[in-house]
Amino acid sequence: MPEIAEVETVRNTLKKQILYKKIKKVEIFYDKIIESDLKDFKNNLINNEFIDIKRKGKWLIFELHNYYLLSHLRMEGKYFLKNSNEPKEKHEHIIFTFADNSDLRYHDTRKFGRMNLIKKEDLENCPAIKKQGEEPFSENLTKEYLKSKFKDKQVPIKTLLLDQTIISGLGNIYANEVLFASKINPLKLGQDISLKECANIVRATNDIIKQAIEMGGTTIKSYTSSLGVTGRFQQKLKVHKKENEPCSVCKNPIQKIKIGGRSTYFCAHCQK
């Protein structure tokens, strides 16, 4: 699943290529991706233009003159830019055609992605945005903030790091890497996480996400090259997808377990 670094990479790439291009046609080939009324969705986009692209957690927020188009890539959503005369591919479900005869095409093999068109004044009260926690680079993401969120939580810290109402945008890959960098066992309960460990999580989250964004994210099965962008952070991964490989610190084998149904990679020696 694309996480914060991948979504930020897509945002930065799209901003260079689609802003201020008039939308002349919108085609929808799989209705369930659109959470808005389909007729309103098309009518309010046609003859409009994207004037900026923002992000909140894993949500892309395309800004128009009077609306925001919210887009969540979920498991395997991708955007491609193509010429309008290129044949439509099987998994291209939404196509925005611009006046210059170029297309922005939303490709989603599993069809889990979602889009919603809302009025600008409704953004802050939109449930999907309102419930998001602090971003990795927010000055409000402090050790005290995390301690307050983890307090009395009798669930593994790995599960809590995936809770978007706590840290917005952090997903499975980076949660595994943050816990390794913080030397915290993923099974440790939230209520047992110390203030010092919270500080380590804040530092590791900031450092890892910053570097991941600089390297274009992590290219794995669910996030591959699109828009001419290929992530390179997989070269820096310490534990994710490293089962049975030697730990970069202690050389003991990396282990893989399931926590909350999610594959979790860690070093049992370094993360006691």
C-alpha atoms as a PDB file:
ATOM      1  CA  MET A   1       0.000   0.000   0.000  1.00  0.00           C
ATOM      2  CA  PRO A   2       1.359   3.482  -0.814  1.00  0.00           C
ATOM      3  CA  GLU A   3       2.220   5.223   2.447  1.00  0.00           C
ATOM      4  CA  ILE A   4       2.994   8.840   3.272  1.00  0.00           C
ATOM      5  CA  ALA A   5       6.331   8.955   1.399  1.00  0.00           C
ATOM      6  CA  GLU A   6       4.852   7.423  -1.741  1.00  0.00           C
ATOM      7  CA  VAL A   7       1.762   9.641  -1.679  1.00  0.00           C
ATOM      8  CA  GLU A   8       3.945  12.703  -1.170  1.00  0.00           C
ATOM      9  CA  THR A   9       6.076  11.644  -4.145  1.00  0.00           C
ATOM     10  CA  VAL A  10       2.982  11.303  -6.335  1.00  0.00           C
ATOM     11  CA  ARG A  11       1.754  14.721  -5.142  1.00  0.00           C
ATOM     12  CA  ASN A  12       5.032  16.462  -5.958  1.00  0.00           C
ATOM     13  CA  THR A  13       5.245  14.802  -9.377  1.00  0.00           C
ATOM     14  CA  LEU A  14       1.658  15.599 -10.360  1.00  0.00           C
ATOM     15  CA  LYS A  15       2.047  19.239  -9.312  1.00  0.00           C
ATOM     16  CA  LYS A  16       4.683  19.664 -12.017  1.00  0.00           C
ATOM     17  CA  GLN A  17       2.489  18.182 -14.733  1.00  0.00           C
ATOM     18  CA  ILE A  18      -1.252  18.835 -14.399  1.00  0.00           C
ATOM     19  CA  LEU A  19      -1.861  22.186 -12.702  1.00  0.00           C
ATOM     20  CA  TYR A  20      -3.946  24.799 -14.561  1.00  0.00           C
ATOM     21  CA  LYS A  21      -4.892  22.412 -17.368  1.00  0.00           C
ATOM     22  CA  LYS A  22      -8.612  22.670 -18.156  1.00  0.00           C
ATOM     23  CA  ILE A  23     -10.544  19.435 -17.718  1.00  0.00           C
ATOM     24  CA  LYS A  24     -12.736  18.840 -20.767  1.00  0.00           C
ATOM     25  CA  LYS A  25     -13.985  15.303 -20.063  1.00  0.00           C
ATOM     26  CA  VAL A  26     -14.288  12.864 -17.150  1.00  0.00           C
ATOM     27  CA  GLU A  27     -14.876   9.161 -17.781  1.00  0.00           C
ATOM     28  CA  ILE A  28     -15.813   6.720 -15.013  1.00  0.00           C
ATOM     29  CA  PHE A  29     -15.539   3.011 -15.748  1.00  0.00           C
ATOM     30  CA  TYR A  30     -16.001   1.708 -12.190  1.00  0.00           C
ATOM     31  CA  ASP A  31     -18.604   3.634 -10.211  1.00  0.00           C
ATOM     32  CA  LYS A  32     -17.729   2.326  -6.741  1.00  0.00           C
ATOM     33  CA  ILE A  33     -14.475   4.273  -6.644  1.00  0.00           C
ATOM     34  CA  ILE A  34     -16.492   7.514  -6.594  1.00  0.00           C
ATOM     35  CA  GLU A  35     -18.161   8.329  -3.263  1.00  0.00           C
ATOM     36  CA  SER A  36     -19.873  11.471  -4.589  1.00  0.00           C
ATOM     37  CA  ASP A  37     -22.958  11.682  -6.791  1.00  0.00           C
ATOM     38  CA  LEU A  38     -21.642  10.648 -10.209  1.00  0.00           C
ATOM     39  CA  LYS A  39     -23.447  13.365 -12.157  1.00  0.00           C
ATOM     40  CA  ASP A  40     -22.274  16.105  -9.790  1.00  0.00           C
ATOM     41  CA  PHE A  41     -18.763  14.633  -9.818  1.00  0.00           C
ATOM     42  CA  LYS A  42     -18.497  14.997 -13.589  1.00  0.00           C
ATOM     43  CA  ASN A  43     -20.334  18.319 -13.915  1.00  0.00           C
ATOM     44  CA  ASN A  44     -18.240  20.070 -11.269  1.00  0.00           C
ATOM     45  CA  LEU A  45     -14.956  18.840 -12.720  1.00  0.00           C
ATOM     46  CA  ILE A  46     -15.587  19.576 -16.402  1.00  0.00           C
ATOM     47  CA  ASN A  47     -14.262  23.041 -17.408  1.00  0.00           C
ATOM     48  CA  ASN A  48     -12.547  23.268 -14.028  1.00  0.00           C
ATOM     49  CA  GLU A  49      -8.818  22.902 -13.352  1.00  0.00           C
ATOM     50  CA  PHE A  50      -6.508  21.683 -10.626  1.00  0.00           C
ATOM     51  CA  ILE A  51      -4.806  24.709  -9.067  1.00  0.00           C
ATOM     52  CA  ASP A  52      -2.865  22.887  -6.341  1.00  0.00           C
ATOM     53  CA  ILE A  53      -2.385  19.437  -4.841  1.00  0.00           C
ATOM     54  CA  LYS A  54      -2.169  18.995  -1.080  1.00  0.00           C
ATOM     55  CA  ARG A  55      -1.896  15.929   1.125  1.00  0.00           C
ATOM     56  CA  LYS A  56      -3.175  14.795   4.507  1.00  0.00           C
ATOM     57  CA  GLY A  57      -1.834  11.452   5.654  1.00  0.00           C
ATOM     58  CA  LYS A  58      -2.383   9.060   2.758  1.00  0.00           C
ATOM     59  CA  TRP A  59      -5.036  11.281   1.128  1.00  0.00           C
ATOM     60  CA  LEU A  60      -4.227  13.304  -1.984  1.00  0.00           C
ATOM     61  CA  ILE A  61      -6.226  16.550  -2.003  1.00  0.00           C
ATOM     62  CA  PHE A  62      -6.597  18.032  -5.497  1.00  0.00           C
ATOM     63  CA  GLU A  63      -7.620  21.675  -5.187  1.00  0.00           C
ATOM     64  CA  LEU A  64      -9.999  23.174  -7.766  1.00  0.00           C
ATOM     65  CA  HIS A  65     -11.534  26.640  -7.728  1.00  0.00           C
ATOM     66  CA  ASN A  66     -14.523  25.776  -5.555  1.00  0.00           C
ATOM     67  CA  TYR A  67     -13.948  22.141  -4.670  1.00  0.00           C
ATOM     68  CA  TYR A  68     -11.458  19.611  -3.376  1.00  0.00           C
ATOM     69  CA  LEU A  69     -11.097  16.204  -4.986  1.00  0.00           C
ATOM     70  CA  LEU A  70     -10.014  13.717  -2.320  1.00  0.00           C
ATOM     71  CA  SER A  71      -8.204  10.617  -3.565  1.00  0.00           C
ATOM     72  CA  HIS A  72      -7.018   7.613  -1.531  1.00  0.00           C
ATOM     73  CA  LEU A  73      -4.865   5.098  -3.398  1.00  0.00           C
ATOM     74  CA  ARG A  74      -5.559   2.282  -0.912  1.00  0.00           C
ATOM     75  CA  MET A  75      -3.695  -0.922  -1.840  1.00  0.00           C
ATOM     76  CA  GLU A  76      -2.586  -0.466  -5.450  1.00  0.00           C
ATOM     77  CA  GLY A  77      -3.928   2.808  -6.845  1.00  0.00           C
ATOM     78  CA  LYS A  78      -1.672   4.684  -9.259  1.00  0.00           C
ATOM     79  CA  TYR A  79      -1.889   7.730 -11.522  1.00  0.00           C
ATOM     80  CA  PHE A  80      -0.524   7.782 -15.057  1.00  0.00           C
ATOM     81  CA  LEU A  81      -0.239  10.639 -17.552  1.00  0.00           C
ATOM     82  CA  LYS A  82      -0.890   9.621 -21.153  1.00  0.00           C
ATOM     83  CA  ASN A  83      -1.906  11.027 -24.497  1.00  0.00           C
ATOM     84  CA  SER A  84      -5.655  10.867 -25.046  1.00  0.00           C
ATOM     85  CA  ASN A  85      -5.227   8.749 -28.175  1.00  0.00           C
ATOM     86  CA  GLU A  86      -3.520   5.928 -26.280  1.00  0.00           C
ATOM     87  CA  PRO A  87      -5.738   2.843 -25.795  1.00  0.00           C
ATOM     88  CA  LYS A  88      -7.406   2.452 -22.430  1.00  0.00           C
ATOM     89  CA  GLU A  89      -5.897  -0.312 -20.309  1.00  0.00           C
ATOM     90  CA  LYS A  90      -7.981  -2.853 -18.389  1.00  0.00           C
ATOM     91  CA  HIS A  91      -7.482  -1.378 -14.917  1.00  0.00           C
ATOM     92  CA  GLU A  92      -7.784   2.324 -15.815  1.00  0.00           C
ATOM     93  CA  HIS A  93     -11.046   3.168 -14.052  1.00  0.00           C
ATOM     94  CA  ILE A  94     -11.170   6.987 -14.011  1.00  0.00           C
ATOM     95  CA  ILE A  95      -9.855   9.171 -16.833  1.00  0.00           C
ATOM     96  CA  PHE A  96      -9.581  12.959 -16.684  1.00  0.00           C
ATOM     97  CA  THR A  97      -9.005  14.387 -20.179  1.00  0.00           C
ATOM     98  CA  PHE A  98      -7.477  17.856 -20.422  1.00  0.00           C
ATOM     99  CA  ALA A  99      -7.929  20.463 -23.136  1.00  0.00           C
ATOM    100  CA  ASP A 100      -4.447  19.740 -24.493  1.00  0.00           C
ATOM    101  CA  ASN A 101      -5.541  16.144 -25.215  1.00  0.00           C
ATOM    102  CA  SER A 102      -3.535  14.621 -22.409  1.00  0.00           C
ATOM    103  CA  ASP A 103      -5.073  12.325 -19.795  1.00  0.00           C
ATOM    104  CA  LEU A 104      -4.658  11.774 -16.086  1.00  0.00           C
ATOM    105  CA  ARG A 105      -5.633   8.128 -15.657  1.00  0.00           C
ATOM    106  CA  TYR A 106      -6.362   6.413 -12.363  1.00  0.00           C
ATOM    107  CA  HIS A 107      -5.222   2.776 -12.470  1.00  0.00           C
ATOM    108  CA  ASP A 108      -6.233   0.368  -9.709  1.00  0.00           C
ATOM    109  CA  THR A 109      -5.921  -3.400 -10.106  1.00  0.00           C
ATOM    110  CA  ARG A 110      -7.895  -4.202  -6.951  1.00  0.00           C
ATOM    111  CA  LYS A 111     -10.389  -1.324  -7.246  1.00  0.00           C
ATOM    112  CA  PHE A 112     -10.034  -0.396  -3.562  1.00  0.00           C
ATOM    113  CA  GLY A 113      -9.189   3.282  -4.156  1.00  0.00           C
ATOM    114  CA  ARG A 114     -11.706   6.002  -3.383  1.00  0.00           C
ATOM    115  CA  MET A 115     -12.443   9.531  -4.665  1.00  0.00           C
ATOM    116  CA  ASN A 116     -14.768  12.139  -3.247  1.00  0.00           C
ATOM    117  CA  LEU A 117     -15.531  15.650  -4.492  1.00  0.00           C
ATOM    118  CA  ILE A 118     -16.425  18.107  -1.724  1.00  0.00           C
ATOM    119  CA  LYS A 119     -16.943  21.841  -1.432  1.00  0.00           C
ATOM    120  CA  LYS A 120     -13.951  23.729  -0.106  1.00  0.00           C
ATOM    121  CA  GLU A 121     -15.713  24.887   3.029  1.00  0.00           C
ATOM    122  CA  ASP A 122     -16.474  21.273   3.941  1.00  0.00           C
ATOM    123  CA  LEU A 123     -12.868  20.040   4.016  1.00  0.00           C
ATOM    124  CA  GLU A 124     -12.169  20.481   7.723  1.00  0.00           C
ATOM    125  CA  ASN A 125     -15.377  18.695   8.662  1.00  0.00           C
ATOM    126  CA  CYS A 126     -14.932  15.868   6.180  1.00  0.00           C
ATOM    127  CA  PRO A 127     -14.755  12.681   8.322  1.00  0.00           C
ATOM    128  CA  ALA A 128     -11.856  11.194   6.339  1.00  0.00           C
ATOM    129  CA  ILE A 129      -9.718  14.300   6.955  1.00  0.00           C
ATOM    130  CA  LYS A 130     -11.000  15.295  10.373  1.00  0.00           C
ATOM    131  CA  LYS A 131     -10.030  11.994  12.012  1.00  0.00           C
ATOM    132  CA  GLN A 132      -6.397  12.109  10.834  1.00  0.00           C
ATOM    133  CA  GLY A 133      -3.752  12.306  13.554  1.00  0.00           C
ATOM    134  CA  GLU A 134      -0.562  14.356  13.575  1.00  0.00           C
ATOM    135  CA  GLU A 135       1.744  14.251  10.561  1.00  0.00           C
ATOM    136  CA  PRO A 136       5.332  12.978  10.960  1.00  0.00           C
ATOM    137  CA  PHE A 137       6.760  16.497  10.536  1.00  0.00           C
ATOM    138  CA  SER A 138       4.188  18.299  12.643  1.00  0.00           C
ATOM    139  CA  GLU A 139       5.519  20.241  15.605  1.00  0.00           C
ATOM    140  CA  ASN A 140       2.604  18.748  17.527  1.00  0.00           C
ATOM    141  CA  LEU A 141       3.994  15.236  17.112  1.00  0.00           C
ATOM    142  CA  THR A 142       5.852  15.212  20.419  1.00  0.00           C
ATOM    143  CA  LYS A 143       6.803  12.553  22.931  1.00  0.00           C
ATOM    144  CA  GLU A 144       4.117  13.922  25.242  1.00  0.00           C
ATOM    145  CA  TYR A 145       1.488  13.660  22.509  1.00  0.00           C
ATOM    146  CA  LEU A 146       2.374  10.023  21.829  1.00  0.00           C
ATOM    147  CA  LYS A 147       2.502   9.158  25.511  1.00  0.00           C
ATOM    148  CA  SER A 148      -1.023  10.505  25.925  1.00  0.00           C
ATOM    149  CA  LYS A 149      -2.241   8.444  22.955  1.00  0.00           C
ATOM    150  CA  PHE A 150      -0.545   5.237  24.124  1.00  0.00           C
ATOM    151  CA  LYS A 151      -1.666   5.578  27.741  1.00  0.00           C
ATOM    152  CA  ASP A 152      -3.820   2.667  28.934  1.00  0.00           C
ATOM    153  CA  LYS A 153      -3.698   1.027  25.469  1.00  0.00           C
ATOM    154  CA  GLN A 154      -3.443  -2.745  25.937  1.00  0.00           C
ATOM    155  CA  VAL A 155      -2.610  -3.394  22.288  1.00  0.00           C
ATOM    156  CA  PRO A 156       0.794  -3.826  20.597  1.00  0.00           C
ATOM    157  CA  ILE A 157       2.724  -0.684  19.714  1.00  0.00           C
ATOM    158  CA  LYS A 158       2.878  -1.900  16.092  1.00  0.00           C
ATOM    159  CA  THR A 159      -0.916  -1.729  15.894  1.00  0.00           C
ATOM    160  CA  LEU A 160      -0.933   1.755  17.427  1.00  0.00           C
ATOM    161  CA  LEU A 161       1.584   3.069  14.895  1.00  0.00           C
ATOM    162  CA  LEU A 162      -0.777   1.987  12.113  1.00  0.00           C
ATOM    163  CA  ASP A 163      -3.670   3.909  13.692  1.00  0.00           C
ATOM    164  CA  GLN A 164      -4.172   6.909  11.385  1.00  0.00           C
ATOM    165  CA  THR A 165      -5.853   8.868  14.183  1.00  0.00           C
ATOM    166  CA  ILE A 166      -2.501   8.904  16.028  1.00  0.00           C
ATOM    167  CA  ILE A 167       0.139   9.358  13.310  1.00  0.00           C
ATOM    168  CA  SER A 168      -1.280  10.241   9.919  1.00  0.00           C
ATOM    169  CA  GLY A 169       0.258   8.517   6.913  1.00  0.00           C
ATOM    170  CA  LEU A 170       2.398   5.908   8.660  1.00  0.00           C
ATOM    171  CA  GLY A 171       1.854   2.428   7.203  1.00  0.00           C
ATOM    172  CA  ASN A 172       3.211  -1.083   7.595  1.00  0.00           C
ATOM    173  CA  ILE A 173       6.608  -0.579   5.944  1.00  0.00           C
ATOM    174  CA  TYR A 174       7.591   2.503   7.881  1.00  0.00           C
ATOM    175  CA  ALA A 175       6.071   1.291  11.164  1.00  0.00           C
ATOM    176  CA  ASN A 176       8.398  -1.736  10.988  1.00  0.00           C
ATOM    177  CA  GLU A 177      11.378   0.497  10.228  1.00  0.00           C
ATOM    178  CA  VAL A 178      10.524   3.051  12.931  1.00  0.00           C
ATOM    179  CA  LEU A 179      10.260   0.358  15.613  1.00  0.00           C
ATOM    180  CA  PHE A 180      13.611  -1.126  14.588  1.00  0.00           C
ATOM    181  CA  ALA A 181      15.281   2.283  14.659  1.00  0.00           C
ATOM    182  CA  SER A 182      13.689   2.929  18.060  1.00  0.00           C
ATOM    183  CA  LYS A 183      14.783  -0.510  19.408  1.00  0.00           C
ATOM    184  CA  ILE A 184      11.211  -1.312  20.476  1.00  0.00           C
ATOM    185  CA  ASN A 185       9.681  -4.771  20.232  1.00  0.00           C
ATOM    186  CA  PRO A 186       6.538  -4.562  18.064  1.00  0.00           C
ATOM    187  CA  LEU A 187       4.591  -6.702  20.560  1.00  0.00           C
ATOM    188  CA  LYS A 188       5.188  -4.322  23.467  1.00  0.00           C
ATOM    189  CA  LEU A 189       1.889  -2.887  24.684  1.00  0.00           C
ATOM    190  CA  GLY A 190       1.170   0.794  24.219  1.00  0.00           C
ATOM    191  CA  GLN A 191       0.660   1.340  27.943  1.00  0.00           C
ATOM    192  CA  ASP A 192       4.219   0.106  28.579  1.00  0.00           C
ATOM    193  CA  ILE A 193       5.916   2.495  26.162  1.00  0.00           C
ATOM    194  CA  SER A 194       8.049   4.966  28.107  1.00  0.00           C
ATOM    195  CA  LEU A 195       8.361   8.693  27.472  1.00  0.00           C
ATOM    196  CA  LYS A 196      11.930   8.099  26.264  1.00  0.00           C
ATOM    197  CA  GLU A 197      10.689   5.483  23.807  1.00  0.00           C
ATOM    198  CA  CYS A 198       8.044   7.946  22.602  1.00  0.00           C
ATOM    199  CA  ALA A 199      10.847  10.435  21.919  1.00  0.00           C
ATOM    200  CA  ASN A 200      12.705   7.752  19.953  1.00  0.00           C
ATOM    201  CA  ILE A 201       9.586   7.053  17.870  1.00  0.00           C
ATOM    202  CA  VAL A 202       9.190  10.761  17.062  1.00  0.00           C
ATOM    203  CA  ARG A 203      12.834  11.057  16.024  1.00  0.00           C
ATOM    204  CA  ALA A 204      12.841   7.848  13.967  1.00  0.00           C
ATOM    205  CA  THR A 205       9.558   8.713  12.247  1.00  0.00           C
ATOM    206  CA  ASN A 206      10.845  12.120  11.246  1.00  0.00           C
ATOM    207  CA  ASP A 207      14.204  10.832  10.018  1.00  0.00           C
ATOM    208  CA  ILE A 208      12.894   7.810   8.118  1.00  0.00           C
ATOM    209  CA  ILE A 209       9.967   9.546   6.398  1.00  0.00           C
ATOM    210  CA  LYS A 210      12.170  12.503   5.411  1.00  0.00           C
ATOM    211  CA  GLN A 211      14.730  10.205   3.814  1.00  0.00           C
ATOM    212  CA  ALA A 212      12.021   8.081   2.158  1.00  0.00           C
ATOM    213  CA  ILE A 213      10.467  11.161   0.544  1.00  0.00           C
ATOM    214  CA  GLU A 214      13.883  12.321  -0.677  1.00  0.00           C
ATOM    215  CA  MET A 215      14.341   8.899  -2.305  1.00  0.00           C
ATOM    216  CA  GLY A 216      10.900   8.814  -3.914  1.00  0.00           C
ATOM    217  CA  GLY A 217       9.371   6.291  -1.537  1.00  0.00           C
ATOM    218  CA  THR A 218       9.707   2.525  -1.472  1.00  0.00           C
ATOM    219  CA  THR A 219       9.111   0.505  -4.638  1.00  0.00           C
ATOM    220  CA  ILE A 220       7.518  -2.831  -3.753  1.00  0.00           C
ATOM    221  CA  LYS A 221       4.675  -4.878  -5.244  1.00  0.00           C
ATOM    222  CA  SER A 222       1.928  -2.415  -4.291  1.00  0.00           C
ATOM    223  CA  TYR A 223       3.848   0.740  -5.248  1.00  0.00           C
ATOM    224  CA  THR A 224       5.772   0.643  -8.487  1.00  0.00           C
ATOM    225  CA  SER A 225       7.044   3.193 -10.942  1.00  0.00           C
ATOM    226  CA  SER A 226       4.331   5.542 -12.203  1.00  0.00           C
ATOM    227  CA  LEU A 227       4.467   9.062 -13.576  1.00  0.00           C
ATOM    228  CA  GLY A 228       8.104   8.391 -14.360  1.00  0.00           C
ATOM    229  CA  VAL A 229       8.946   7.970 -10.672  1.00  0.00           C
ATOM    230  CA  THR A 230      10.642   4.960  -9.111  1.00  0.00           C
ATOM    231  CA  GLY A 231      11.155   4.821  -5.355  1.00  0.00           C
ATOM    232  CA  ARG A 232      14.619   3.942  -4.071  1.00  0.00           C
ATOM    233  CA  PHE A 233      14.109   3.762  -0.300  1.00  0.00           C
ATOM    234  CA  GLN A 234      13.853  -0.040  -0.440  1.00  0.00           C
ATOM    235  CA  GLN A 235      17.644   0.083  -0.635  1.00  0.00           C
ATOM    236  CA  LYS A 236      17.662   1.513   2.902  1.00  0.00           C
ATOM    237  CA  LEU A 237      15.171  -0.851   4.561  1.00  0.00           C
ATOM    238  CA  LYS A 238      16.602  -2.536   7.658  1.00  0.00           C
ATOM    239  CA  VAL A 239      13.912  -5.096   8.506  1.00  0.00           C
ATOM    240  CA  HIS A 240      10.884  -4.907   6.206  1.00  0.00           C
ATOM    241  CA  LYS A 241      10.798  -7.932   3.860  1.00  0.00           C
ATOM    242  CA  LYS A 242      14.142  -9.083   5.359  1.00  0.00           C
ATOM    243  CA  GLU A 243      12.915 -12.327   6.954  1.00  0.00           C
ATOM    244  CA  ASN A 244      15.835 -14.670   7.838  1.00  0.00           C
ATOM    245  CA  GLU A 245      18.395 -12.158   6.602  1.00  0.00           C
ATOM    246  CA  PRO A 246      21.063 -11.064   9.110  1.00  0.00           C
ATOM    247  CA  CYS A 247      20.290  -7.966  11.142  1.00  0.00           C
ATOM    248  CA  SER A 248      22.436  -5.039  10.003  1.00  0.00           C
ATOM    249  CA  VAL A 249      23.380  -4.397  13.644  1.00  0.00           C
ATOM    250  CA  CYS A 250      23.774  -7.744  15.430  1.00  0.00           C
ATOM    251  CA  LYS A 251      23.708 -10.233  12.515  1.00  0.00           C
ATOM    252  CA  ASN A 252      20.944 -12.326  14.110  1.00  0.00           C
ATOM    253  CA  PRO A 253      18.198 -13.324  11.643  1.00  0.00           C
ATOM    254  CA  ILE A 254      15.284 -10.963  11.108  1.00  0.00           C
ATOM    255  CA  GLN A 255      12.001 -12.543  12.171  1.00  0.00           C
ATOM    256  CA  LYS A 256       8.537 -12.250  10.667  1.00  0.00           C
ATOM    257  CA  ILE A 257       5.304 -12.488  12.663  1.00  0.00           C
ATOM    258  CA  LYS A 258       1.715 -11.331  12.228  1.00  0.00           C
ATOM    259  CA  ILE A 259       0.315  -8.558  14.428  1.00  0.00           C
ATOM    260  CA  GLY A 260      -3.246  -7.530  13.777  1.00  0.00           C
ATOM    261  CA  GLY A 261      -3.100  -9.379  10.481  1.00  0.00           C
ATOM    262  CA  ARG A 262      -0.125  -7.340   9.271  1.00  0.00           C
ATOM    263  CA  SER A 263       3.285  -8.776   8.426  1.00  0.00           C
ATOM    264  CA  THR A 264       5.739  -7.529  11.016  1.00  0.00           C
ATOM    265  CA  TYR A 265       9.509  -7.770  10.631  1.00  0.00           C
ATOM    266  CA  PHE A 266      11.884  -7.208  13.544  1.00  0.00           C
ATOM    267  CA  CYS A 267      15.116  -8.262  15.231  1.00  0.00           C
ATOM    268  CA  ALA A 268      14.369 -10.102  18.459  1.00  0.00           C
ATOM    269  CA  HIS A 269      17.879  -9.316  19.738  1.00  0.00           C
ATOM    270  CA  CYS A 270      17.915  -5.567  19.037  1.00  0.00           C
ATOM    271  CA  GLN A 271      14.223  -5.091  19.808  1.00  0.00           C
ATOM    272  CA  LYS A 272      13.941  -6.934  23.122  1.00  0.00           C
END
